[in-house]
Amino acid sequence: MKLISNFFLKNPANWKFWLLLAVIFKGLLFVFCIYKEYHASKIGTWWGTSGDTNSYLWPIENLVDHGKYYLDYRMPGYGIFYLPLYFLFPKVVAINILLAIQLIVASISNYLLALIARKIFKTDALFYLTFYLYGLSIYSNMFDETVLTESFTTSFFIISIYFFIKFFETKKVIFLIIVGGLLADIIFMRPVFFPTIFFYWLILIFQFFKQKKSLLKFSFLLFIPFVIFESSWIIRNYVQHNVFAPFFATIAKSKSSYFYPNATDSGVCSFLQSFGGNIDYSAPNAEIRCLGFGENSNFNDHPIMPSYIYTSKFNADSVAIIRKKFETVLYDTTTTQEQKVAKLEPVYNELNSFAASIKKEKPFVYYLISPAINFKRFFVHSGTYNLFAQATNQLNLIQLGIKIFYTFFYWFVFLLGVIGIFMQFRNLFQMKITALMLLLVGYTGLIHPIVLRVCEVRYFVPMFPFVTLFAAYALWKSILFLLNKFSTN
């Protein structure tokens, strides 16, 4: 027992050991995901992908191959890492290296998250609990092998908080510039996180309110990386399209390159979001498949639209007609994406009118039922997002056992994390690092399901490290309580 303890509870300052252990933990899952993707793949690739993957890769490939960043509805926050790799290596090799970098950065962030817990709570116990809980988690770690923004976004949030703490400890401005740079790239990967930079600024304001000159200087240093990134992007867009498109290009509602070439970003989304329908066709019983999407879905279920959504403007027959229209166009291999968008424009308009009728005639569904369904879908799930390509009833015993274990693990960490958040809520008004993490978790948990009404479960992945940290705190407090209780009996 002592030998095991000496090995797994080494000094937190032994960074070589902890980084190696983090690489082992994450590497085992990484290899498993590669194995799983390789055997599930129909196109000869083994990395994890989604419908969004190519939208990050194609602009960079077009830039290198043809000298033009196009299609440009994605800002280059993720593509900037792919650019030098694709320039130097063939695509497959470039993506393999990109995934290896994601794994290494994620391993470093695992160690830094544990150090953050130790710095905040002043005990090695929180270091160990946080390190192992997060290192064993599959909900967030499985994205290290996926060509999406989740891995870097998650790691960069952790690293930014670590260097934010280092800045307060040392007052060295280089740490604050690093924080600003990390946040700028996070925003350029996931624009929804733009407000989070103001959460960091809020902490600065409270900590340096009486030091006017220092506050002004530190605020400038925090924001300057984003200002440089954003100014460059705006100038580029104006030169390229003669359009002033601040912040992120998709705000320009035009049929130019800003138009996201995916039908789910038009009337389909507004219709489904109006009543809480699921837009992720890879999920079981997703209502989007009622509209003809997800032909290649791995599920054999037959989702139906809920009967309470129908209004004077549409009914079940209307939905069936819409489905036929989509199927006629979506799976036609003889037409281009632009032609499909043009052909489907009237269908999008119909769906927008359906959504407007729900909002007008069934406000209870629109304002209460839909957000409630989205909130539940966002958090109440197995925590094993795309762990296996098959539906649960198609898994063998070993796969089912793995899924059950990680489902219980997700809920163990998540529920403890919620308890830890409530236990720490009193520290919100102290405006320190704990408050920053509470603000980040709260914002992410509300903006997606309630405000934007988009609730793919991967959207909460960047905040799960902090939920894990709060879970470790709650577990630690529970252990202390039980030890104290038994020692007094």
Protein backbone atom coordinates (compact mmCIF):
# COMPACT_ATOMS: atom_id res chain seq x y z
CA MET A 1 0.00 0.00 0.00
CA LYS A 2 2.81 2.37 0.89
CA LEU A 3 4.57 1.56 -2.38
CA ILE A 4 1.42 2.46 -4.35
CA SER A 5 0.96 5.61 -2.30
CA ASN A 6 4.55 6.69 -2.86
CA PHE A 7 4.15 6.21 -6.60
CA PHE A 8 0.75 7.79 -7.21
CA LEU A 9 1.08 10.55 -4.60
CA LYS A 10 4.43 12.00 -5.52
CA ASN A 11 5.31 15.62 -4.82
CA PRO A 12 3.15 17.91 -7.01
CA ALA A 13 6.32 19.80 -7.92
CA ASN A 14 7.64 16.72 -9.73
CA TRP A 15 6.33 17.98 -13.06
CA LYS A 16 8.12 15.38 -15.19
CA PHE A 17 6.32 12.54 -13.41
CA TRP A 18 2.91 14.20 -13.53
CA LEU A 19 3.20 15.18 -17.19
CA LEU A 20 4.26 11.63 -18.10
CA LEU A 21 1.34 10.21 -16.12
CA ALA A 22 -1.07 12.64 -17.79
CA VAL A 23 0.24 11.59 -21.21
CA ILE A 24 -0.27 7.95 -20.25
CA PHE A 25 -3.85 8.53 -19.05
CA LYS A 26 -4.83 10.60 -22.03
CA GLY A 27 -2.72 8.55 -24.42
CA LEU A 28 -4.53 5.31 -23.57
CA LEU A 29 -7.87 6.91 -24.32
CA PHE A 30 -6.34 8.55 -27.40
CA VAL A 31 -5.22 5.16 -28.75
CA PHE A 32 -8.60 3.64 -27.93
CA CYS A 33 -10.39 6.40 -29.84
CA ILE A 34 -8.04 5.98 -32.80
CA TYR A 35 -8.73 2.24 -32.80
CA LYS A 36 -12.45 2.88 -32.59
CA GLU A 37 -12.44 5.49 -35.35
CA TYR A 38 -10.21 3.37 -37.59
CA HIS A 39 -12.58 0.42 -37.46
CA ALA A 40 -15.69 2.60 -37.79
CA SER A 41 -14.32 4.65 -40.67
CA LYS A 42 -15.69 4.24 -44.16
CA ILE A 43 -13.22 6.59 -45.80
CA GLY A 44 -9.87 5.29 -44.55
CA THR A 45 -9.17 7.91 -41.89
CA TRP A 46 -8.90 7.25 -38.17
CA TRP A 47 -9.25 10.63 -36.50
CA GLY A 48 -12.55 11.76 -35.03
CA THR A 49 -14.58 14.18 -37.12
CA SER A 50 -17.96 15.85 -37.19
CA GLY A 51 -19.98 17.89 -39.65
CA ASP A 52 -17.96 20.96 -38.57
CA THR A 53 -14.51 19.48 -39.15
CA ASN A 54 -14.02 20.45 -42.78
CA SER A 55 -15.15 24.01 -42.13
CA TYR A 56 -11.95 24.47 -40.10
CA LEU A 57 -9.68 22.64 -42.54
CA TRP A 58 -10.86 23.71 -46.00
CA PRO A 59 -10.09 27.45 -45.62
CA ILE A 60 -6.49 26.64 -44.66
CA GLU A 61 -6.13 24.12 -47.47
CA ASN A 62 -7.50 26.65 -49.96
CA LEU A 63 -5.11 29.28 -48.59
CA VAL A 64 -2.08 27.02 -49.07
CA ASP A 65 -3.22 25.46 -52.36
CA HIS A 66 -4.82 28.48 -54.04
CA GLY A 67 -3.68 31.51 -52.05
CA LYS A 68 -7.16 32.39 -50.73
CA TYR A 69 -8.73 31.84 -47.32
CA TYR A 70 -12.11 30.47 -48.41
CA LEU A 71 -14.77 29.58 -47.33
CA ASP A 72 -14.34 32.13 -44.59
CA TYR A 73 -17.31 31.70 -42.29
CA ARG A 74 -14.82 30.34 -39.73
CA MET A 75 -12.28 32.59 -38.07
CA PRO A 76 -8.77 31.06 -38.15
CA GLY A 77 -8.40 30.38 -34.43
CA TYR A 78 -8.12 26.63 -35.00
CA GLY A 79 -6.78 26.80 -38.52
CA ILE A 80 -3.71 28.76 -37.43
CA PHE A 81 -2.32 25.55 -35.89
CA TYR A 82 -3.15 23.54 -38.99
CA LEU A 83 -1.61 26.07 -41.40
CA PRO A 84 2.14 25.36 -40.91
CA LEU A 85 1.50 21.63 -40.70
CA TYR A 86 -0.49 21.47 -43.92
CA PHE A 87 2.10 23.69 -45.60
CA LEU A 88 4.91 21.25 -44.68
CA PHE A 89 3.25 17.84 -44.78
CA PRO A 90 0.58 15.84 -46.63
CA LYS A 91 -2.90 16.25 -45.17
CA VAL A 92 -3.01 12.97 -43.25
CA VAL A 93 0.39 13.56 -41.68
CA ALA A 94 -0.51 17.18 -40.87
CA ILE A 95 -3.67 16.16 -39.05
CA ASN A 96 -1.84 13.38 -37.19
CA ILE A 97 0.69 15.92 -35.92
CA LEU A 98 -2.12 18.33 -35.04
CA LEU A 99 -3.78 15.64 -32.93
CA ALA A 100 -0.47 14.82 -31.25
CA ILE A 101 -0.12 18.50 -30.33
CA GLN A 102 -3.66 18.46 -28.93
CA LEU A 103 -2.75 15.46 -26.80
CA ILE A 104 0.44 17.07 -25.45
CA VAL A 105 -1.28 20.40 -24.69
CA ALA A 106 -4.18 18.57 -23.03
CA SER A 107 -1.74 16.59 -20.88
CA ILE A 108 -0.01 19.79 -19.77
CA SER A 109 -3.38 21.35 -18.96
CA ASN A 110 -4.33 18.29 -16.85
CA TYR A 111 -1.29 18.94 -14.65
CA LEU A 112 -1.92 22.68 -14.54
CA LEU A 113 -5.55 22.15 -13.52
CA ALA A 114 -4.36 20.13 -10.53
CA LEU A 115 -1.87 22.89 -9.68
CA ILE A 116 -4.69 25.45 -9.87
CA ALA A 117 -6.68 23.40 -7.33
CA ARG A 118 -3.62 23.23 -5.06
CA LYS A 119 -2.98 26.96 -5.30
CA ILE A 120 -6.62 27.85 -4.55
CA PHE A 121 -7.28 25.43 -1.72
CA LYS A 122 -3.73 25.25 -0.31
CA THR A 123 -3.57 21.47 0.02
CA ASP A 124 -1.92 18.64 -1.88
CA ALA A 125 -5.07 16.55 -1.47
CA LEU A 126 -6.91 18.72 -3.98
CA PHE A 127 -4.01 18.38 -6.40
CA TYR A 128 -4.26 14.58 -6.36
CA LEU A 129 -8.05 14.43 -6.48
CA THR A 130 -8.29 16.94 -9.33
CA PHE A 131 -5.50 15.33 -11.34
CA TYR A 132 -6.95 11.83 -11.20
CA LEU A 133 -10.61 12.78 -11.60
CA TYR A 134 -9.87 14.84 -14.68
CA GLY A 135 -7.26 12.46 -16.04
CA LEU A 136 -9.73 9.57 -15.94
CA SER A 137 -12.63 11.56 -17.37
CA ILE A 138 -13.74 10.55 -20.84
CA TYR A 139 -16.35 13.26 -21.45
CA SER A 140 -13.75 15.91 -22.26
CA ASN A 141 -10.64 13.83 -22.95
CA MET A 142 -12.05 11.98 -25.95
CA PHE A 143 -11.97 15.22 -27.95
CA ASP A 144 -8.17 15.24 -27.94
CA GLU A 145 -8.39 12.83 -30.87
CA THR A 146 -11.05 14.83 -32.69
CA VAL A 147 -10.48 17.46 -35.37
CA LEU A 148 -12.59 20.10 -33.65
CA THR A 149 -11.96 23.11 -31.42
CA GLU A 150 -12.98 21.43 -28.15
CA SER A 151 -9.52 20.13 -27.19
CA PHE A 152 -7.59 23.37 -27.64
CA THR A 153 -10.41 25.49 -26.22
CA THR A 154 -10.56 23.36 -23.08
CA SER A 155 -6.78 23.33 -22.62
CA PHE A 156 -6.42 27.05 -23.28
CA PHE A 157 -9.02 27.96 -20.66
CA ILE A 158 -7.13 25.92 -18.07
CA ILE A 159 -3.76 27.35 -19.06
CA SER A 160 -5.15 30.90 -19.10
CA ILE A 161 -6.37 30.57 -15.52
CA TYR A 162 -3.06 29.10 -14.42
CA PHE A 163 -1.14 32.06 -15.88
CA PHE A 164 -3.74 34.46 -14.49
CA ILE A 165 -2.90 33.11 -11.04
CA LYS A 166 0.81 33.43 -11.82
CA PHE A 167 0.24 37.06 -12.79
CA PHE A 168 -1.41 37.83 -9.44
CA GLU A 169 1.41 36.02 -7.63
CA THR A 170 4.27 37.76 -9.44
CA LYS A 171 2.75 40.85 -11.14
CA LYS A 172 4.83 39.95 -14.22
CA VAL A 173 3.05 41.40 -17.24
CA ILE A 174 4.20 38.59 -19.53
CA PHE A 175 1.75 36.28 -17.81
CA LEU A 176 -1.13 38.68 -18.45
CA ILE A 177 -0.17 38.98 -22.13
CA ILE A 178 -0.17 35.17 -22.35
CA VAL A 179 -3.64 35.11 -20.82
CA GLY A 180 -4.85 37.69 -23.34
CA GLY A 181 -3.35 35.74 -26.23
CA LEU A 182 -4.96 32.48 -25.12
CA LEU A 183 -8.35 34.16 -24.73
CA ALA A 184 -8.03 35.82 -28.15
CA ASP A 185 -7.43 32.45 -29.78
CA ILE A 186 -10.29 30.87 -27.82
CA ILE A 187 -12.60 33.57 -29.16
CA PHE A 188 -11.30 33.03 -32.70
CA MET A 189 -12.06 29.33 -32.30
CA ARG A 190 -15.37 29.70 -30.49
CA PRO A 191 -16.84 33.23 -30.84
CA VAL A 192 -19.51 32.41 -28.26
CA PHE A 193 -16.80 32.81 -25.63
CA PHE A 194 -16.15 36.47 -26.45
CA PRO A 195 -17.81 37.71 -23.20
CA THR A 196 -15.47 35.56 -21.10
CA ILE A 197 -12.59 37.98 -21.61
CA PHE A 198 -14.64 40.52 -19.63
CA PHE A 199 -14.90 38.05 -16.75
CA TYR A 200 -11.09 38.13 -16.47
CA TRP A 201 -11.20 41.91 -16.76
CA LEU A 202 -13.77 42.06 -13.96
CA ILE A 203 -11.36 40.23 -11.66
CA LEU A 204 -8.65 42.71 -12.61
CA ILE A 205 -10.94 45.64 -11.82
CA PHE A 206 -11.76 44.33 -8.36
CA GLN A 207 -8.14 43.49 -7.56
CA PHE A 208 -6.64 46.76 -8.81
CA PHE A 209 -9.54 49.20 -8.40
CA LYS A 210 -7.56 51.54 -6.15
CA GLN A 211 -4.46 51.42 -8.37
CA LYS A 212 -5.74 53.42 -11.33
CA LYS A 213 -2.51 53.41 -13.36
CA SER A 214 -1.92 49.71 -12.83
CA LEU A 215 -5.51 48.88 -13.73
CA LEU A 216 -5.27 50.84 -16.98
CA LYS A 217 -1.97 49.19 -17.93
CA PHE A 218 -3.12 45.68 -17.04
CA SER A 219 -6.42 46.13 -18.86
CA PHE A 220 -4.53 47.20 -21.98
CA LEU A 221 -2.25 44.17 -21.79
CA LEU A 222 -5.18 41.79 -21.34
CA PHE A 223 -7.10 43.11 -24.34
CA ILE A 224 -4.29 43.97 -26.76
CA PRO A 225 -3.89 40.44 -28.24
CA PHE A 226 -7.60 40.28 -29.04
CA VAL A 227 -7.60 43.82 -30.44
CA ILE A 228 -4.72 42.90 -32.77
CA PHE A 229 -6.40 39.67 -33.87
CA GLU A 230 -9.76 41.29 -34.38
CA SER A 231 -8.47 44.38 -36.18
CA SER A 232 -6.56 42.18 -38.60
CA TRP A 233 -9.64 40.07 -39.26
CA ILE A 234 -11.88 43.10 -39.83
CA ILE A 235 -9.39 44.70 -42.22
CA ARG A 236 -9.00 41.44 -44.10
CA ASN A 237 -12.77 41.04 -44.45
CA TYR A 238 -13.21 44.61 -45.65
CA VAL A 239 -10.48 44.24 -48.29
CA GLN A 240 -11.77 40.84 -49.36
CA HIS A 241 -15.52 41.49 -49.36
CA ASN A 242 -15.96 45.25 -48.92
CA VAL A 243 -18.03 44.42 -45.85
CA PHE A 244 -17.47 45.63 -42.29
CA ALA A 245 -17.80 42.37 -40.38
CA PRO A 246 -16.65 42.83 -36.79
CA PHE A 247 -16.07 40.01 -34.39
CA PHE A 248 -17.14 37.01 -36.47
CA ALA A 249 -18.00 36.81 -40.13
CA THR A 250 -21.25 34.90 -39.84
CA ILE A 251 -23.04 37.98 -38.53
CA ALA A 252 -23.14 39.21 -42.12
CA LYS A 253 -26.42 37.78 -43.36
CA SER A 254 -25.62 37.65 -47.03
CA LYS A 255 -25.24 35.06 -49.76
CA SER A 256 -21.53 35.75 -49.97
CA SER A 257 -18.88 33.50 -48.52
CA TYR A 258 -20.17 34.47 -45.09
CA PHE A 259 -23.18 32.22 -45.56
CA TYR A 260 -22.56 28.99 -43.69
CA PRO A 261 -23.17 26.29 -46.32
CA ASN A 262 -25.15 23.97 -44.12
CA ALA A 263 -28.92 23.71 -44.14
CA THR A 264 -29.07 23.33 -40.37
CA ASP A 265 -27.93 26.94 -39.99
CA SER A 266 -31.01 28.35 -41.66
CA GLY A 267 -34.75 27.78 -41.21
CA VAL A 268 -34.13 24.26 -39.97
CA CYS A 269 -32.44 25.56 -36.83
CA SER A 270 -35.02 28.25 -36.10
CA PHE A 271 -37.86 25.74 -36.50
CA LEU A 272 -36.35 23.06 -34.28
CA GLN A 273 -35.20 25.56 -31.67
CA SER A 274 -38.69 27.02 -31.42
CA PHE A 275 -39.95 23.90 -29.63
CA GLY A 276 -36.76 22.27 -28.33
CA GLY A 277 -36.13 19.86 -31.20
CA ASN A 278 -32.71 18.25 -31.44
CA ILE A 279 -30.58 19.53 -34.34
CA ASP A 280 -27.88 16.87 -33.85
CA TYR A 281 -28.86 14.07 -36.20
CA SER A 282 -26.20 11.79 -34.65
CA ALA A 283 -28.24 11.69 -31.44
CA PRO A 284 -30.98 9.10 -30.84
CA ASN A 285 -34.51 10.26 -31.64
CA ALA A 286 -33.26 13.60 -32.97
CA GLU A 287 -36.16 15.51 -34.48
CA ILE A 288 -33.97 16.86 -37.26
CA ARG A 289 -34.14 13.44 -38.88
CA CYS A 290 -37.87 13.97 -39.30
CA LEU A 291 -36.86 16.59 -41.87
CA GLY A 292 -34.69 14.22 -43.88
CA PHE A 293 -31.30 14.92 -42.33
CA GLY A 294 -28.97 12.23 -41.04
CA GLU A 295 -29.32 9.63 -43.75
CA ASN A 296 -26.04 8.12 -42.54
CA SER A 297 -26.99 8.17 -38.87
CA ASN A 298 -26.08 5.09 -36.83
CA PHE A 299 -29.52 4.85 -35.20
CA ASN A 300 -32.43 2.73 -36.35
CA ASP A 301 -35.04 4.59 -34.32
CA HIS A 302 -37.88 6.49 -35.97
CA PRO A 303 -38.21 9.90 -34.33
CA ILE A 304 -41.47 11.81 -34.65
CA MET A 305 -42.37 15.42 -34.09
CA PRO A 306 -44.23 16.11 -30.82
CA SER A 307 -47.92 16.64 -31.45
CA TYR A 308 -48.14 19.78 -29.27
CA ILE A 309 -46.09 21.89 -31.68
CA TYR A 310 -48.62 22.10 -34.51
CA THR A 311 -50.31 25.41 -35.24
CA SER A 312 -52.68 26.89 -37.79
CA LYS A 313 -49.70 27.23 -40.16
CA PHE A 314 -48.55 23.59 -40.29
CA ASN A 315 -49.29 20.02 -39.22
CA ALA A 316 -47.80 16.52 -39.58
CA ASP A 317 -48.55 16.46 -43.30
CA SER A 318 -46.67 19.74 -43.74
CA VAL A 319 -43.62 18.23 -42.05
CA ALA A 320 -43.81 15.17 -44.34
CA ILE A 321 -43.85 17.43 -47.40
CA ILE A 322 -40.85 19.37 -46.09
CA ARG A 323 -39.00 16.12 -45.56
CA LYS A 324 -39.53 15.05 -49.17
CA LYS A 325 -38.28 18.42 -50.40
CA PHE A 326 -35.12 18.13 -48.33
CA GLU A 327 -34.41 14.54 -49.34
CA THR A 328 -34.79 15.44 -53.01
CA VAL A 329 -32.08 18.09 -52.75
CA LEU A 330 -29.76 17.04 -49.92
CA TYR A 331 -28.76 13.70 -51.36
CA ASP A 332 -28.57 14.78 -54.98
CA THR A 333 -24.93 14.25 -55.92
CA THR A 334 -25.28 16.13 -59.19
CA THR A 335 -25.72 19.60 -57.64
CA THR A 336 -23.20 21.80 -55.84
CA GLN A 337 -23.58 23.06 -52.29
CA GLU A 338 -24.42 26.56 -53.56
CA GLN A 339 -27.12 25.16 -55.85
CA LYS A 340 -28.59 23.19 -52.96
CA VAL A 341 -28.74 26.32 -50.81
CA ALA A 342 -30.55 28.17 -53.59
CA LYS A 343 -33.05 25.35 -54.17
CA LEU A 344 -33.79 25.04 -50.47
CA GLU A 345 -34.28 28.77 -49.84
CA PRO A 346 -38.11 28.52 -50.15
CA VAL A 347 -38.09 25.54 -47.77
CA TYR A 348 -36.07 27.50 -45.23
CA ASN A 349 -38.62 30.30 -45.48
CA GLU A 350 -41.44 27.85 -44.84
CA LEU A 351 -39.72 26.55 -41.73
CA ASN A 352 -39.12 30.09 -40.52
CA SER A 353 -42.84 30.74 -40.84
CA PHE A 354 -43.54 27.54 -38.87
CA ALA A 355 -41.21 28.77 -36.11
CA ALA A 356 -42.87 32.19 -36.07
CA SER A 357 -46.29 30.58 -35.71
CA ILE A 358 -45.12 28.53 -32.70
CA LYS A 359 -43.76 31.69 -31.09
CA LYS A 360 -47.03 33.53 -31.72
CA GLU A 361 -49.63 30.83 -31.09
CA LYS A 362 -47.81 28.71 -28.51
CA PRO A 363 -45.70 31.06 -26.38
CA PHE A 364 -45.61 28.54 -23.52
CA VAL A 365 -43.87 26.05 -25.80
CA TYR A 366 -41.50 28.66 -27.23
CA TYR A 367 -40.51 30.47 -24.03
CA LEU A 368 -40.68 27.71 -21.42
CA ILE A 369 -40.88 24.21 -22.87
CA SER A 370 -38.12 24.71 -25.44
CA PRO A 371 -35.50 26.16 -23.03
CA ALA A 372 -36.34 23.48 -20.44
CA ILE A 373 -35.87 20.69 -22.99
CA ASN A 374 -32.61 22.23 -24.18
CA PHE A 375 -31.28 22.64 -20.64
CA LYS A 376 -32.07 19.01 -19.84
CA ARG A 377 -30.51 17.77 -23.08
CA PHE A 378 -27.39 19.84 -22.45
CA PHE A 379 -26.63 18.28 -19.08
CA VAL A 380 -28.63 15.07 -18.69
CA HIS A 381 -26.81 12.56 -20.86
CA SER A 382 -24.42 9.64 -20.57
CA GLY A 383 -21.22 11.69 -20.75
CA THR A 384 -19.94 9.29 -23.41
CA TYR A 385 -20.54 11.52 -26.42
CA ASN A 386 -19.74 9.52 -29.57
CA LEU A 387 -17.66 7.04 -27.56
CA PHE A 388 -18.92 4.30 -29.84
CA ALA A 389 -20.29 4.58 -33.35
CA GLN A 390 -23.12 2.14 -32.59
CA ALA A 391 -26.28 2.69 -30.60
CA THR A 392 -26.24 1.28 -27.05
CA ASN A 393 -28.36 -1.75 -27.97
CA GLN A 394 -25.79 -2.68 -30.63
CA LEU A 395 -22.77 -2.78 -28.29
CA ASN A 396 -21.05 -5.98 -27.21
CA LEU A 397 -20.59 -6.77 -23.50
CA ILE A 398 -17.15 -5.17 -23.22
CA GLN A 399 -18.26 -2.00 -25.00
CA LEU A 400 -21.42 -1.84 -22.89
CA GLY A 401 -19.36 -2.28 -19.72
CA ILE A 402 -17.05 0.59 -20.72
CA LYS A 403 -20.01 2.81 -21.53
CA ILE A 404 -21.75 2.03 -18.22
CA PHE A 405 -18.57 2.67 -16.21
CA TYR A 406 -17.93 6.03 -17.83
CA THR A 407 -21.58 7.02 -17.56
CA PHE A 408 -21.45 6.45 -13.81
CA PHE A 409 -18.11 8.26 -13.66
CA TYR A 410 -19.51 11.26 -15.53
CA TRP A 411 -22.47 11.51 -13.19
CA PHE A 412 -20.29 11.01 -10.12
CA VAL A 413 -18.08 13.92 -11.14
CA PHE A 414 -20.89 16.10 -12.45
CA LEU A 415 -23.10 15.80 -9.35
CA LEU A 416 -20.16 16.33 -7.02
CA GLY A 417 -19.18 19.31 -9.18
CA VAL A 418 -22.63 20.85 -8.79
CA ILE A 419 -22.38 20.38 -5.01
CA GLY A 420 -18.91 21.93 -5.03
CA ILE A 421 -20.18 24.89 -7.05
CA PHE A 422 -22.90 25.57 -4.49
CA MET A 423 -20.37 25.21 -1.68
CA GLN A 424 -18.11 27.77 -3.36
CA PHE A 425 -20.86 30.14 -4.47
CA ARG A 426 -20.29 32.37 -1.46
CA ASN A 427 -16.85 33.19 -2.90
CA LEU A 428 -18.39 34.64 -6.05
CA PHE A 429 -18.50 38.13 -4.56
CA GLN A 430 -14.83 38.05 -3.53
CA MET A 431 -13.95 38.31 -7.23
CA LYS A 432 -10.95 36.03 -7.16
CA ILE A 433 -10.00 32.99 -9.25
CA THR A 434 -12.78 30.86 -7.80
CA ALA A 435 -15.29 33.50 -8.86
CA LEU A 436 -13.80 33.53 -12.36
CA MET A 437 -14.35 29.78 -12.74
CA LEU A 438 -17.90 30.09 -11.40
CA LEU A 439 -18.64 32.81 -13.95
CA LEU A 440 -17.19 30.76 -16.80
CA VAL A 441 -19.18 27.65 -15.88
CA GLY A 442 -22.40 29.60 -15.32
CA TYR A 443 -22.11 31.51 -18.58
CA THR A 444 -21.42 28.41 -20.66
CA GLY A 445 -24.23 26.49 -19.00
CA LEU A 446 -26.75 29.21 -19.85
CA ILE A 447 -25.67 30.72 -23.17
CA HIS A 448 -25.95 27.52 -25.20
CA PRO A 449 -29.22 25.88 -24.10
CA ILE A 450 -31.15 28.95 -22.94
CA VAL A 451 -29.99 31.95 -24.98
CA LEU A 452 -28.73 30.43 -28.23
CA ARG A 453 -30.86 27.27 -27.94
CA VAL A 454 -28.07 25.07 -29.27
CA CYS A 455 -27.24 22.19 -26.99
CA GLU A 456 -24.84 19.71 -28.46
CA VAL A 457 -23.32 18.15 -25.36
CA ARG A 458 -19.78 18.89 -26.59
CA TYR A 459 -20.38 22.61 -26.11
CA PHE A 460 -19.96 22.25 -22.35
CA VAL A 461 -16.68 20.32 -22.67
CA PRO A 462 -14.43 23.41 -22.14
CA MET A 463 -15.97 23.98 -18.72
CA PHE A 464 -15.86 20.38 -17.49
CA PRO A 465 -12.32 20.75 -16.06
CA PHE A 466 -13.63 23.38 -13.64
CA VAL A 467 -16.64 21.26 -12.77
CA THR A 468 -14.12 18.49 -12.03
CA LEU A 469 -12.10 20.84 -9.80
CA PHE A 470 -15.24 21.72 -7.83
CA ALA A 471 -16.09 18.02 -7.65
CA ALA A 472 -12.66 17.33 -6.16
CA TYR A 473 -13.31 20.05 -3.58
CA ALA A 474 -16.69 18.57 -2.63
CA LEU A 475 -15.17 15.07 -2.41
CA TRP A 476 -12.32 16.35 -0.26
CA LYS A 477 -14.72 18.10 2.12
CA SER A 478 -16.84 14.94 2.32
CA ILE A 479 -13.79 12.82 3.15
CA LEU A 480 -12.73 15.27 5.88
CA PHE A 481 -16.25 15.24 7.31
CA LEU A 482 -16.37 11.44 7.44
CA LEU A 483 -12.90 11.16 8.93
CA ASN A 484 -13.78 13.69 11.59
CA LYS A 485 -17.08 11.94 12.33
CA PHE A 486 -15.49 8.50 12.73
CA SER A 487 -12.59 9.86 14.79
CA THR A 488 -14.98 11.37 17.33
CA ASN A 489 -17.05 8.19 17.71
